[in-house]
PDB file of N, CA and C in Angstrom:
ATOM      1  N   MET A   1      55.640  41.307 -39.646  1.00  0.00           N
ATOM      2  CA  MET A   1      54.473  41.799 -38.941  1.00  0.00           C
ATOM      3  C   MET A   1      54.346  43.292 -39.200  1.00  0.00           C
ATOM      4  N   THR A   2      53.125  43.736 -39.448  1.00  0.00           N
ATOM      5  CA  THR A   2      52.845  45.154 -39.627  1.00  0.00           C
ATOM      6  C   THR A   2      52.354  45.736 -38.306  1.00  0.00           C
ATOM      7  N   PHE A   3      52.309  47.056 -38.239  1.00  0.00           N
ATOM      8  CA  PHE A   3      51.789  47.691 -37.028  1.00  0.00           C
ATOM      9  C   PHE A   3      50.316  47.342 -36.838  1.00  0.00           C
ATOM     10  N   ALA A   4      49.576  47.248 -37.929  1.00  0.00           N
ATOM     11  CA  ALA A   4      48.154  46.888 -37.839  1.00  0.00           C
ATOM     12  C   ALA A   4      47.965  45.495 -37.236  1.00  0.00           C
ATOM     13  N   GLU A   5      48.881  44.597 -37.497  1.00  0.00           N
ATOM     14  CA  GLU A   5      48.817  43.257 -36.904  1.00  0.00           C
ATOM     15  C   GLU A   5      49.301  43.277 -35.447  1.00  0.00           C
ATOM     16  N   PHE A   6      50.250  44.153 -35.160  1.00  0.00           N
ATOM     17  CA  PHE A   6      50.820  44.251 -33.822  1.00  0.00           C
ATOM     18  C   PHE A   6      49.855  44.894 -32.824  1.00  0.00           C
ATOM     19  N   TRP A   7      49.121  45.901 -33.253  1.00  0.00           N
ATOM     20  CA  TRP A   7      48.278  46.694 -32.356  1.00  0.00           C
ATOM     21  C   TRP A   7      47.309  45.843 -31.515  1.00  0.00           C
ATOM     22  N   PRO A   8      46.529  44.919 -32.093  1.00  0.00           N
ATOM     23  CA  PRO A   8      45.624  44.120 -31.254  1.00  0.00           C
ATOM     24  C   PRO A   8      46.364  43.289 -30.204  1.00  0.00           C
ATOM     25  N   VAL A   9      47.529  42.776 -30.548  1.00  0.00           N
ATOM     26  CA  VAL A   9      48.339  42.001 -29.599  1.00  0.00           C
ATOM     27  C   VAL A   9      48.788  42.918 -28.454  1.00  0.00           C
ATOM     28  N   TYR A  10      49.229  44.108 -28.804  1.00  0.00           N
ATOM     29  CA  TYR A  10      49.655  45.091 -27.806  1.00  0.00           C
ATOM     30  C   TYR A  10      48.507  45.457 -26.883  1.00  0.00           C
ATOM     31  N   VAL A  11      47.346  45.707 -27.460  1.00  0.00           N
ATOM     32  CA  VAL A  11      46.179  46.095 -26.652  1.00  0.00           C
ATOM     33  C   VAL A  11      45.823  44.988 -25.667  1.00  0.00           C
ATOM     34  N   ARG A  12      45.806  43.747 -26.125  1.00  0.00           N
ATOM     35  CA  ARG A  12      45.489  42.632 -25.225  1.00  0.00           C
ATOM     36  C   ARG A  12      46.535  42.481 -24.121  1.00  0.00           C
ATOM     37  N   ALA A  13      47.789  42.838 -24.401  1.00  0.00           N
ATOM     38  CA  ALA A  13      48.841  42.756 -23.387  1.00  0.00           C
ATOM     39  C   ALA A  13      48.733  43.878 -22.360  1.00  0.00           C
ATOM     40  N   HIS A  14      47.828  44.818 -22.596  1.00  0.00           N
ATOM     41  CA  HIS A  14      47.598  45.948 -21.698  1.00  0.00           C
ATOM     42  C   HIS A  14      46.124  45.988 -21.290  1.00  0.00           C
ATOM     43  N   SER A  15      45.592  44.832 -20.958  1.00  0.00           N
ATOM     44  CA  SER A  15      44.151  44.712 -20.711  1.00  0.00           C
ATOM     45  C   SER A  15      43.704  45.311 -19.380  1.00  0.00           C
ATOM     46  N   ARG A  16      44.589  45.415 -18.424  1.00  0.00           N
ATOM     47  CA  ARG A  16      44.201  45.925 -17.105  1.00  0.00           C
ATOM     48  C   ARG A  16      44.385  47.439 -17.033  1.00  0.00           C
ATOM     49  N   PRO A  17      43.393  48.140 -16.523  1.00  0.00           N
ATOM     50  CA  PRO A  17      43.482  49.608 -16.440  1.00  0.00           C
ATOM     51  C   PRO A  17      44.709  50.105 -15.676  1.00  0.00           C
ATOM     52  N   VAL A  18      45.107  49.403 -14.618  1.00  0.00           N
ATOM     53  CA  VAL A  18      46.275  49.836 -13.844  1.00  0.00           C
ATOM     54  C   VAL A  18      47.527  49.836 -14.717  1.00  0.00           C
ATOM     55  N   THR A  19      47.674  48.829 -15.543  1.00  0.00           N
ATOM     56  CA  THR A  19      48.832  48.760 -16.439  1.00  0.00           C
ATOM     57  C   THR A  19      48.838  49.969 -17.371  1.00  0.00           C
ATOM     58  N   ARG A  20      47.698  50.281 -17.922  1.00  0.00           N
ATOM     59  CA  ARG A  20      47.615  51.417 -18.846  1.00  0.00           C
ATOM     60  C   ARG A  20      47.918  52.738 -18.145  1.00  0.00           C
ATOM     61  N   VAL A  21      47.434  52.907 -16.925  1.00  0.00           N
ATOM     62  CA  VAL A  21      47.700  54.148 -16.182  1.00  0.00           C
ATOM     63  C   VAL A  21      49.192  54.267 -15.865  1.00  0.00           C
ATOM     64  N   VAL A  22      49.804  53.168 -15.445  1.00  0.00           N
ATOM     65  CA  VAL A  22      51.248  53.204 -15.154  1.00  0.00           C
ATOM     66  C   VAL A  22      52.030  53.552 -16.419  1.00  0.00           C
ATOM     67  N   HIS A  23      51.624  52.990 -17.557  1.00  0.00           N
ATOM     68  CA  HIS A  23      52.281  53.333 -18.831  1.00  0.00           C
ATOM     69  C   HIS A  23      52.113  54.824 -19.125  1.00  0.00           C
ATOM     70  N   MET A  24      50.920  55.337 -18.908  1.00  0.00           N
ATOM     71  CA  MET A  24      50.668  56.745 -19.202  1.00  0.00           C
ATOM     72  C   MET A  24      51.515  57.650 -18.306  1.00  0.00           C
ATOM     73  N   VAL A  25      51.607  57.323 -17.030  1.00  0.00           N
ATOM     74  CA  VAL A  25      52.439  58.116 -16.115  1.00  0.00           C
ATOM     75  C   VAL A  25      53.895  58.088 -16.578  1.00  0.00           C
ATOM     76  N   GLY A  26      54.390  56.909 -16.926  1.00  0.00           N
ATOM     77  CA  GLY A  26      55.767  56.795 -17.394  1.00  0.00           C
ATOM     78  C   GLY A  26      56.010  57.538 -18.693  1.00  0.00           C
ATOM     79  N   THR A  27      55.092  57.385 -19.630  1.00  0.00           N
ATOM     80  CA  THR A  27      55.249  58.038 -20.937  1.00  0.00           C
ATOM     81  C   THR A  27      55.189  59.557 -20.819  1.00  0.00           C
ATOM     82  N   LEU A  28      54.170  60.065 -20.140  1.00  0.00           N
ATOM     83  CA  LEU A  28      54.054  61.520 -19.999  1.00  0.00           C
ATOM     84  C   LEU A  28      55.190  62.087 -19.148  1.00  0.00           C
ATOM     85  N   GLY A  29      55.561  61.358 -18.096  1.00  0.00           N
ATOM     86  CA  GLY A  29      56.701  61.788 -17.284  1.00  0.00           C
ATOM     87  C   GLY A  29      57.988  61.796 -18.092  1.00  0.00           C
ATOM     88  N   GLY A  30      58.146  60.791 -18.944  1.00  0.00           N
ATOM     89  CA  GLY A  30      59.320  60.737 -19.809  1.00  0.00           C
ATOM     90  C   GLY A  30      59.376  61.912 -20.769  1.00  0.00           C
ATOM     91  N   TRP A  31      58.249  62.220 -21.391  1.00  0.00           N
ATOM     92  CA  TRP A  31      58.222  63.357 -22.315  1.00  0.00           C
ATOM     93  C   TRP A  31      58.480  64.671 -21.581  1.00  0.00           C
ATOM     94  N   MET A  32      57.965  64.778 -20.347  1.00  0.00           N
ATOM     95  CA  MET A  32      58.219  65.992 -19.573  1.00  0.00           C
ATOM     96  C   MET A  32      59.715  66.125 -19.245  1.00  0.00           C
ATOM     97  N   LEU A  33      60.342  65.009 -18.923  1.00  0.00           N
ATOM     98  CA  LEU A  33      61.788  65.042 -18.663  1.00  0.00           C
ATOM     99  C   LEU A  33      62.578  65.409 -19.914  1.00  0.00           C
ATOM    100  N   VAL A  34      62.157  64.920 -21.066  1.00  0.00           N
ATOM    101  CA  VAL A  34      62.830  65.288 -22.319  1.00  0.00           C
ATOM    102  C   VAL A  34      62.700  66.794 -22.546  1.00  0.00           C
ATOM    103  N   GLY A  35      61.504  67.317 -22.344  1.00  0.00           N
ATOM    104  CA  GLY A  35      61.307  68.768 -22.489  1.00  0.00           C
ATOM    105  C   GLY A  35      62.166  69.566 -21.522  1.00  0.00           C
ATOM    106  N   ALA A  36      62.213  69.104 -20.272  1.00  0.00           N
ATOM    107  CA  ALA A  36      63.046  69.786 -19.275  1.00  0.00           C
ATOM    108  C   ALA A  36      64.525  69.673 -19.626  1.00  0.00           C
ATOM    109  N   ALA A  37      64.936  68.525 -20.157  1.00  0.00           N
ATOM    110  CA  ALA A  37      66.336  68.342 -20.559  1.00  0.00           C
ATOM    111  C   ALA A  37      66.727  69.345 -21.636  1.00  0.00           C
ATOM    112  N   ILE A  38      65.831  69.541 -22.579  1.00  0.00           N
ATOM    113  CA  ILE A  38      66.102  70.505 -23.658  1.00  0.00           C
ATOM    114  C   ILE A  38      66.130  71.923 -23.108  1.00  0.00           C
ATOM    115  N   ALA A  39      65.145  72.260 -22.281  1.00  0.00           N
ATOM    116  CA  ALA A  39      65.062  73.614 -21.725  1.00  0.00           C
ATOM    117  C   ALA A  39      66.251  73.941 -20.831  1.00  0.00           C
ATOM    118  N   GLU A  40      66.668  72.980 -20.039  1.00  0.00           N
ATOM    119  CA  GLU A  40      67.744  73.204 -19.078  1.00  0.00           C
ATOM    120  C   GLU A  40      69.123  72.782 -19.582  1.00  0.00           C
ATOM    121  N   ARG A  41      69.149  72.183 -20.781  1.00  0.00           N
ATOM    122  CA  ARG A  41      70.403  71.675 -21.362  1.00  0.00           C
ATOM    123  C   ARG A  41      71.104  70.690 -20.427  1.00  0.00           C
ATOM    124  N   ARG A  42      70.305  69.816 -19.871  1.00  0.00           N
ATOM    125  CA  ARG A  42      70.808  68.749 -19.003  1.00  0.00           C
ATOM    126  C   ARG A  42      70.534  67.441 -19.741  1.00  0.00           C
ATOM    127  N   TRP A  43      71.450  67.099 -20.615  1.00  0.00           N
ATOM    128  CA  TRP A  43      71.220  66.018 -21.561  1.00  0.00           C
ATOM    129  C   TRP A  43      71.091  64.644 -20.907  1.00  0.00           C
ATOM    130  N   TRP A  44      71.665  64.463 -19.749  1.00  0.00           N
ATOM    131  CA  TRP A  44      71.542  63.171 -19.077  1.00  0.00           C
ATOM    132  C   TRP A  44      70.105  62.923 -18.624  1.00  0.00           C
ATOM    133  N   TRP A  45      69.298  63.973 -18.525  1.00  0.00           N
ATOM    134  CA  TRP A  45      67.889  63.793 -18.158  1.00  0.00           C
ATOM    135  C   TRP A  45      67.144  62.981 -19.223  1.00  0.00           C
ATOM    136  N   ILE A  46      67.641  62.995 -20.453  1.00  0.00           N
ATOM    137  CA  ILE A  46      67.003  62.192 -21.504  1.00  0.00           C
ATOM    138  C   ILE A  46      67.143  60.708 -21.163  1.00  0.00           C
ATOM    139  N   ALA A  47      68.301  60.308 -20.672  1.00  0.00           N
ATOM    140  CA  ALA A  47      68.482  58.919 -20.223  1.00  0.00           C
ATOM    141  C   ALA A  47      67.544  58.620 -19.060  1.00  0.00           C
ATOM    142  N   ALA A  48      67.390  59.582 -18.159  1.00  0.00           N
ATOM    143  CA  ALA A  48      66.466  59.400 -17.029  1.00  0.00           C
ATOM    144  C   ALA A  48      65.030  59.252 -17.530  1.00  0.00           C
ATOM    145  N   ALA A  49      64.686  59.966 -18.595  1.00  0.00           N
ATOM    146  CA  ALA A  49      63.342  59.866 -19.173  1.00  0.00           C
ATOM    147  C   ALA A  49      63.087  58.458 -19.700  1.00  0.00           C
ATOM    148  N   VAL A  50      64.066  57.891 -20.362  1.00  0.00           N
ATOM    149  CA  VAL A  50      63.941  56.530 -20.896  1.00  0.00           C
ATOM    150  C   VAL A  50      63.801  55.528 -19.755  1.00  0.00           C
ATOM    151  N   VAL A  51      64.623  55.687 -18.725  1.00  0.00           N
ATOM    152  CA  VAL A  51      64.559  54.783 -17.572  1.00  0.00           C
ATOM    153  C   VAL A  51      63.196  54.897 -16.890  1.00  0.00           C
ATOM    154  N   LEU A  52      62.705  56.104 -16.715  1.00  0.00           N
ATOM    155  CA  LEU A  52      61.395  56.309 -16.088  1.00  0.00           C
ATOM    156  C   LEU A  52      60.295  55.639 -16.893  1.00  0.00           C
ATOM    157  N   ALA A  53      60.227  55.940 -18.181  1.00  0.00           N
ATOM    158  CA  ALA A  53      59.140  55.427 -19.018  1.00  0.00           C
ATOM    159  C   ALA A  53      59.168  53.902 -19.109  1.00  0.00           C
ATOM    160  N   TYR A  54      60.309  53.354 -19.459  1.00  0.00           N
ATOM    161  CA  TYR A  54      60.392  51.899 -19.614  1.00  0.00           C
ATOM    162  C   TYR A  54      60.367  51.183 -18.267  1.00  0.00           C
ATOM    163  N   GLY A  55      60.990  51.762 -17.254  1.00  0.00           N
ATOM    164  CA  GLY A  55      60.994  51.132 -15.940  1.00  0.00           C
ATOM    165  C   GLY A  55      59.596  50.954 -15.389  1.00  0.00           C
ATOM    166  N   LEU A  56      58.787  51.999 -15.448  1.00  0.00           N
ATOM    167  CA  LEU A  56      57.411  51.887 -14.957  1.00  0.00           C
ATOM    168  C   LEU A  56      56.609  50.891 -15.787  1.00  0.00           C
ATOM    169  N   ALA A  57      56.778  50.954 -17.097  1.00  0.00           N
ATOM    170  CA  ALA A  57      56.036  50.030 -17.965  1.00  0.00           C
ATOM    171  C   ALA A  57      56.402  48.584 -17.660  1.00  0.00           C
ATOM    172  N   TRP A  58      57.676  48.302 -17.536  1.00  0.00           N
ATOM    173  CA  TRP A  58      58.107  46.930 -17.281  1.00  0.00           C
ATOM    174  C   TRP A  58      57.646  46.443 -15.917  1.00  0.00           C
ATOM    175  N   LEU A  59      57.643  47.330 -14.927  1.00  0.00           N
ATOM    176  CA  LEU A  59      57.130  46.945 -13.606  1.00  0.00           C
ATOM    177  C   LEU A  59      55.647  46.583 -13.682  1.00  0.00           C
ATOM    178  N   ALA A  60      54.893  47.344 -14.469  1.00  0.00           N
ATOM    179  CA  ALA A  60      53.468  47.042 -14.627  1.00  0.00           C
ATOM    180  C   ALA A  60      53.274  45.684 -15.295  1.00  0.00           C
ATOM    181  N   HIS A  61      54.087  45.378 -16.284  1.00  0.00           N
ATOM    182  CA  HIS A  61      53.963  44.069 -16.936  1.00  0.00           C
ATOM    183  C   HIS A  61      54.328  42.945 -15.967  1.00  0.00           C
ATOM    184  N   LEU A  62      55.349  43.171 -15.173  1.00  0.00           N
ATOM    185  CA  LEU A  62      55.812  42.145 -14.235  1.00  0.00           C
ATOM    186  C   LEU A  62      54.802  41.902 -13.113  1.00  0.00           C
ATOM    187  N   PHE A  63      54.312  42.980 -12.497  1.00  0.00           N
ATOM    188  CA  PHE A  63      53.491  42.832 -11.293  1.00  0.00           C
ATOM    189  C   PHE A  63      51.983  42.921 -11.512  1.00  0.00           C
ATOM    190  N   VAL A  64      51.551  43.490 -12.620  1.00  0.00           N
ATOM    191  CA  VAL A  64      50.107  43.649 -12.853  1.00  0.00           C
ATOM    192  C   VAL A  64      49.616  42.700 -13.942  1.00  0.00           C
ATOM    193  N   GLU A  65      50.203  42.786 -15.120  1.00  0.00           N
ATOM    194  CA  GLU A  65      49.752  41.948 -16.244  1.00  0.00           C
ATOM    195  C   GLU A  65      50.339  40.539 -16.194  1.00  0.00           C
ATOM    196  N   HIS A  66      51.494  40.400 -15.571  1.00  0.00           N
ATOM    197  CA  HIS A  66      52.198  39.104 -15.511  1.00  0.00           C
ATOM    198  C   HIS A  66      52.497  38.579 -16.917  1.00  0.00           C
ATOM    199  N   ASN A  67      53.025  39.478 -17.750  1.00  0.00           N
ATOM    200  CA  ASN A  67      53.430  39.089 -19.099  1.00  0.00           C
ATOM    201  C   ASN A  67      54.747  39.770 -19.454  1.00  0.00           C
ATOM    202  N   VAL A  68      55.265  39.459 -20.615  1.00  0.00           N
ATOM    203  CA  VAL A  68      56.547  40.014 -21.065  1.00  0.00           C
ATOM    204  C   VAL A  68      56.278  41.236 -21.938  1.00  0.00           C
ATOM    205  N   PRO A  69      56.950  42.358 -21.670  1.00  0.00           N
ATOM    206  CA  PRO A  69      56.745  43.550 -22.499  1.00  0.00           C
ATOM    207  C   PRO A  69      57.095  43.288 -23.962  1.00  0.00           C
ATOM    208  N   ALA A  70      56.347  43.907 -24.852  1.00  0.00           N
ATOM    209  CA  ALA A  70      56.578  43.754 -26.293  1.00  0.00           C
ATOM    210  C   ALA A  70      57.848  44.466 -26.740  1.00  0.00           C
ATOM    211  N   THR A  71      58.413  45.277 -25.882  1.00  0.00           N
ATOM    212  CA  THR A  71      59.615  46.046 -26.210  1.00  0.00           C
ATOM    213  C   THR A  71      60.747  45.167 -26.714  1.00  0.00           C
ATOM    214  N   PHE A  72      60.878  43.993 -26.142  1.00  0.00           N
ATOM    215  CA  PHE A  72      62.020  43.146 -26.461  1.00  0.00           C
ATOM    216  C   PHE A  72      61.936  42.550 -27.867  1.00  0.00           C
ATOM    217  N   GLU A  73      60.722  42.254 -28.319  1.00  0.00           N
ATOM    218  CA  GLU A  73      60.569  41.657 -29.651  1.00  0.00           C
ATOM    219  C   GLU A  73      60.342  42.692 -30.745  1.00  0.00           C
ATOM    220  N   HIS A  74      59.598  43.725 -30.429  1.00  0.00           N
ATOM    221  CA  HIS A  74      59.228  44.747 -31.411  1.00  0.00           C
ATOM    222  C   HIS A  74      59.420  46.137 -30.803  1.00  0.00           C
ATOM    223  N   PRO A  75      60.652  46.593 -30.648  1.00  0.00           N
ATOM    224  CA  PRO A  75      60.886  47.852 -29.920  1.00  0.00           C
ATOM    225  C   PRO A  75      60.234  49.076 -30.548  1.00  0.00           C
ATOM    226  N   PHE A  76      60.313  49.237 -31.870  1.00  0.00           N
ATOM    227  CA  PHE A  76      59.719  50.431 -32.475  1.00  0.00           C
ATOM    228  C   PHE A  76      58.199  50.379 -32.420  1.00  0.00           C
ATOM    229  N   PHE A  77      57.619  49.240 -32.796  1.00  0.00           N
ATOM    230  CA  PHE A  77      56.160  49.104 -32.734  1.00  0.00           C
ATOM    231  C   PHE A  77      55.663  49.302 -31.310  1.00  0.00           C
ATOM    232  N   SER A  78      56.392  48.784 -30.349  1.00  0.00           N
ATOM    233  CA  SER A  78      56.007  48.916 -28.945  1.00  0.00           C
ATOM    234  C   SER A  78      56.007  50.377 -28.520  1.00  0.00           C
ATOM    235  N   TRP A  79      57.056  51.099 -28.905  1.00  0.00           N
ATOM    236  CA  TRP A  79      57.123  52.525 -28.564  1.00  0.00           C
ATOM    237  C   TRP A  79      55.971  53.290 -29.210  1.00  0.00           C
ATOM    238  N   TRP A  80      55.736  53.037 -30.482  1.00  0.00           N
ATOM    239  CA  TRP A  80      54.678  53.738 -31.197  1.00  0.00           C
ATOM    240  C   TRP A  80      53.303  53.378 -30.618  1.00  0.00           C
ATOM    241  N   ALA A  81      53.093  52.116 -30.288  1.00  0.00           N
ATOM    242  CA  ALA A  81      51.818  51.682 -29.708  1.00  0.00           C
ATOM    243  C   ALA A  81      51.604  52.339 -28.349  1.00  0.00           C
ATOM    244  N   ASP A  82      52.668  52.517 -27.590  1.00  0.00           N
ATOM    245  CA  ASP A  82      52.540  53.176 -26.296  1.00  0.00           C
ATOM    246  C   ASP A  82      52.094  54.624 -26.477  1.00  0.00           C
ATOM    247  N   GLN A  83      52.651  55.308 -27.460  1.00  0.00           N
ATOM    248  CA  GLN A  83      52.250  56.697 -27.723  1.00  0.00           C
ATOM    249  C   GLN A  83      50.770  56.744 -28.126  1.00  0.00           C
ATOM    250  N   ARG A  84      50.378  55.805 -28.979  1.00  0.00           N
ATOM    251  CA  ARG A  84      48.983  55.733 -29.427  1.00  0.00           C
ATOM    252  C   ARG A  84      48.058  55.439 -28.249  1.00  0.00           C
ATOM    253  N   MET A  85      48.450  54.497 -27.382  1.00  0.00           N
ATOM    254  CA  MET A  85      47.627  54.135 -26.240  1.00  0.00           C
ATOM    255  C   MET A  85      47.434  55.338 -25.316  1.00  0.00           C
ATOM    256  N   VAL A  86      48.494  56.073 -25.042  1.00  0.00           N
ATOM    257  CA  VAL A  86      48.387  57.239 -24.169  1.00  0.00           C
ATOM    258  C   VAL A  86      47.470  58.280 -24.804  1.00  0.00           C
ATOM    259  N   PHE A  87      47.611  58.517 -26.096  1.00  0.00           N
ATOM    260  CA  PHE A  87      46.720  59.452 -26.784  1.00  0.00           C
ATOM    261  C   PHE A  87      45.258  59.007 -26.656  1.00  0.00           C
ATOM    262  N   LEU A  88      45.008  57.720 -26.900  1.00  0.00           N
ATOM    263  CA  LEU A  88      43.637  57.207 -26.805  1.00  0.00           C
ATOM    264  C   LEU A  88      43.110  57.282 -25.370  1.00  0.00           C
ATOM    265  N   MET A  89      43.979  57.103 -24.386  1.00  0.00           N
ATOM    266  CA  MET A  89      43.550  57.243 -22.995  1.00  0.00           C
ATOM    267  C   MET A  89      43.136  58.683 -22.705  1.00  0.00           C
ATOM    268  N   ILE A  90      43.936  59.622 -23.150  1.00  0.00           N
ATOM    269  CA  ILE A  90      43.621  61.042 -22.935  1.00  0.00           C
ATOM    270  C   ILE A  90      42.317  61.398 -23.632  1.00  0.00           C
ATOM    271  N   ALA A  91      42.096  60.813 -24.804  1.00  0.00           N
ATOM    272  CA  ALA A  91      40.876  61.070 -25.578  1.00  0.00           C
ATOM    273  C   ALA A  91      39.670  60.277 -25.053  1.00  0.00           C
ATOM    274  N   GLY A  92      39.903  59.404 -24.082  1.00  0.00           N
ATOM    275  CA  GLY A  92      38.812  58.611 -23.520  1.00  0.00           C
ATOM    276  C   GLY A  92      38.350  57.471 -24.409  1.00  0.00           C
ATOM    277  N   GLN A  93      39.217  57.002 -25.307  1.00  0.00           N
ATOM    278  CA  GLN A  93      38.844  55.969 -26.273  1.00  0.00           C
ATOM    279  C   GLN A  93      39.525  54.622 -26.066  1.00  0.00           C
ATOM    280  N   MET A  94      40.455  54.530 -25.121  1.00  0.00           N
ATOM    281  CA  MET A  94      41.227  53.301 -24.988  1.00  0.00           C
ATOM    282  C   MET A  94      40.385  52.141 -24.468  1.00  0.00           C
ATOM    283  N   GLY A  95      39.438  52.398 -23.591  1.00  0.00           N
ATOM    284  CA  GLY A  95      38.570  51.329 -23.096  1.00  0.00           C
ATOM    285  C   GLY A  95      37.832  50.643 -24.230  1.00  0.00           C
ATOM    286  N   LYS A  96      37.379  51.436 -25.191  1.00  0.00           N
ATOM    287  CA  LYS A  96      36.690  50.892 -26.366  1.00  0.00           C
ATOM    288  C   LYS A  96      37.636  50.018 -27.191  1.00  0.00           C
ATOM    289  N   GLU A  97      38.888  50.438 -27.321  1.00  0.00           N
ATOM    290  CA  GLU A  97      39.887  49.639 -28.050  1.00  0.00           C
ATOM    291  C   GLU A  97      40.121  48.302 -27.359  1.00  0.00           C
ATOM    292  N   VAL A  98      40.212  48.328 -26.037  1.00  0.00           N
ATOM    293  CA  VAL A  98      40.445  47.098 -25.282  1.00  0.00           C
ATOM    294  C   VAL A  98      39.283  46.138 -25.488  1.00  0.00           C
ATOM    295  N   LYS A  99      38.066  46.630 -25.397  1.00  0.00           N
ATOM    296  CA  LYS A  99      36.897  45.768 -25.614  1.00  0.00           C
ATOM    297  C   LYS A  99      36.878  45.211 -27.026  1.00  0.00           C
ATOM    298  N   ARG A 100      37.172  46.041 -27.987  1.00  0.00           N
ATOM    299  CA  ARG A 100      37.145  45.610 -29.393  1.00  0.00           C
ATOM    300  C   ARG A 100      38.175  44.516 -29.658  1.00  0.00           C
ATOM    301  N   HIS A 101      39.376  44.678 -29.150  1.00  0.00           N
ATOM    302  CA  HIS A 101      40.434  43.710 -29.428  1.00  0.00           C
ATOM    303  C   HIS A 101      40.400  42.497 -28.506  1.00  0.00           C
ATOM    304  N   ALA A 102      39.786  42.628 -27.350  1.00  0.00           N
ATOM    305  CA  ALA A 102      39.633  41.461 -26.468  1.00  0.00           C
ATOM    306  C   ALA A 102      38.728  40.433 -27.133  1.00  0.00           C
ATOM    307  N   LEU A 103      37.736  40.906 -27.864  1.00  0.00           N
ATOM    308  CA  LEU A 103      36.807  40.007 -28.546  1.00  0.00           C
ATOM    309  C   LEU A 103      37.452  39.324 -29.738  1.00  0.00           C
ATOM    310  N   SER A 104      38.542  39.891 -30.260  1.00  0.00           N
ATOM    311  CA  SER A 104      39.204  39.285 -31.420  1.00  0.00           C
ATOM    312  C   SER A 104      40.290  38.297 -31.006  1.00  0.00           C
ATOM    313  N   GLN A 105      40.468  38.132 -29.699  1.00  0.00           N
ATOM    314  CA  GLN A 105      41.499  37.207 -29.216  1.00  0.00           C
ATOM    315  C   GLN A 105      41.075  35.773 -29.473  1.00  0.00           C
ATOM    316  N   PRO A 106      41.976  34.964 -30.015  1.00  0.00           N
ATOM    317  CA  PRO A 106      41.633  33.558 -30.238  1.00  0.00           C
ATOM    318  C   PRO A 106      41.236  32.889 -28.927  1.00  0.00           C
ATOM    319  N   GLY A 107      40.139  32.149 -28.966  1.00  0.00           N
ATOM    320  CA  GLY A 107      39.690  31.422 -27.791  1.00  0.00           C
ATOM    321  C   GLY A 107      38.760  32.218 -26.887  1.00  0.00           C
ATOM    322  N   VAL A 108      38.542  33.513 -27.193  1.00  0.00           N
ATOM    323  CA  VAL A 108      37.641  34.335 -26.382  1.00  0.00           C
ATOM    324  C   VAL A 108      36.336  34.477 -27.150  1.00  0.00           C
ATOM    325  N   LYS A 109      35.236  34.098 -26.493  1.00  0.00           N
ATOM    326  CA  LYS A 109      33.926  34.205 -27.129  1.00  0.00           C
ATOM    327  C   LYS A 109      33.246  35.496 -26.692  1.00  0.00           C
ATOM    328  N   SER A 110      32.545  36.082 -27.589  1.00  0.00           N
ATOM    329  CA  SER A 110      31.830  37.295 -27.292  1.00  0.00           C
ATOM    330  C   SER A 110      30.624  37.018 -26.407  1.00  0.00           C
ATOM    331  N   ALA A 111      30.429  37.864 -25.412  1.00  0.00           N
ATOM    332  CA  ALA A 111      29.265  37.725 -24.547  1.00  0.00           C
ATOM    333  C   ALA A 111      28.057  38.382 -25.193  1.00  0.00           C
ATOM    334  N   ILE A 112      28.267  39.072 -26.306  1.00  0.00           N
ATOM    335  CA  ILE A 112      27.208  39.815 -26.970  1.00  0.00           C
ATOM    336  C   ILE A 112      26.438  38.972 -27.971  1.00  0.00           C
ATOM    337  N   GLN A 113      26.913  37.817 -28.332  1.00  0.00           N
ATOM    338  CA  GLN A 113      26.335  36.984 -29.390  1.00  0.00           C
ATOM    339  C   GLN A 113      24.885  37.011 -29.408  1.00  0.00           C
TER     340      GLN A 113
END
C-alpha cells in the first residue's frame, strides 16, 4: 500500500469533526511537549508527548468514531497522515478532503449526481 492509497482510508476513518479536533489537540500538544523537552532538557517529556498524542487519538477512535486506529496496521503512514490532517485543519482545508474522500467510499452514492 502506498501513502496515496492509505490517505482516503485514513480520511474516512476521521469523518467526525470531534475526532479530528481531538487529534489536533493531541498532535499539537505532543509537539509542544517535544519542544519543551528539548528546551528544558527533560527527555522523559518526549515519552509524555507520545502518550498524549496517541492517547487522545485512540480515545477519539474508541468513543467517537467507534473504529480501530490505523496506527496498529500502518504506524508510519498513520503518523504522517495525522501531521497532514492537522496541517489541513489549520489551513481550513480538511473539511473539503473529508467530503472528497467520503464520496469515493465504496457503497456511498453522491448526493450531487
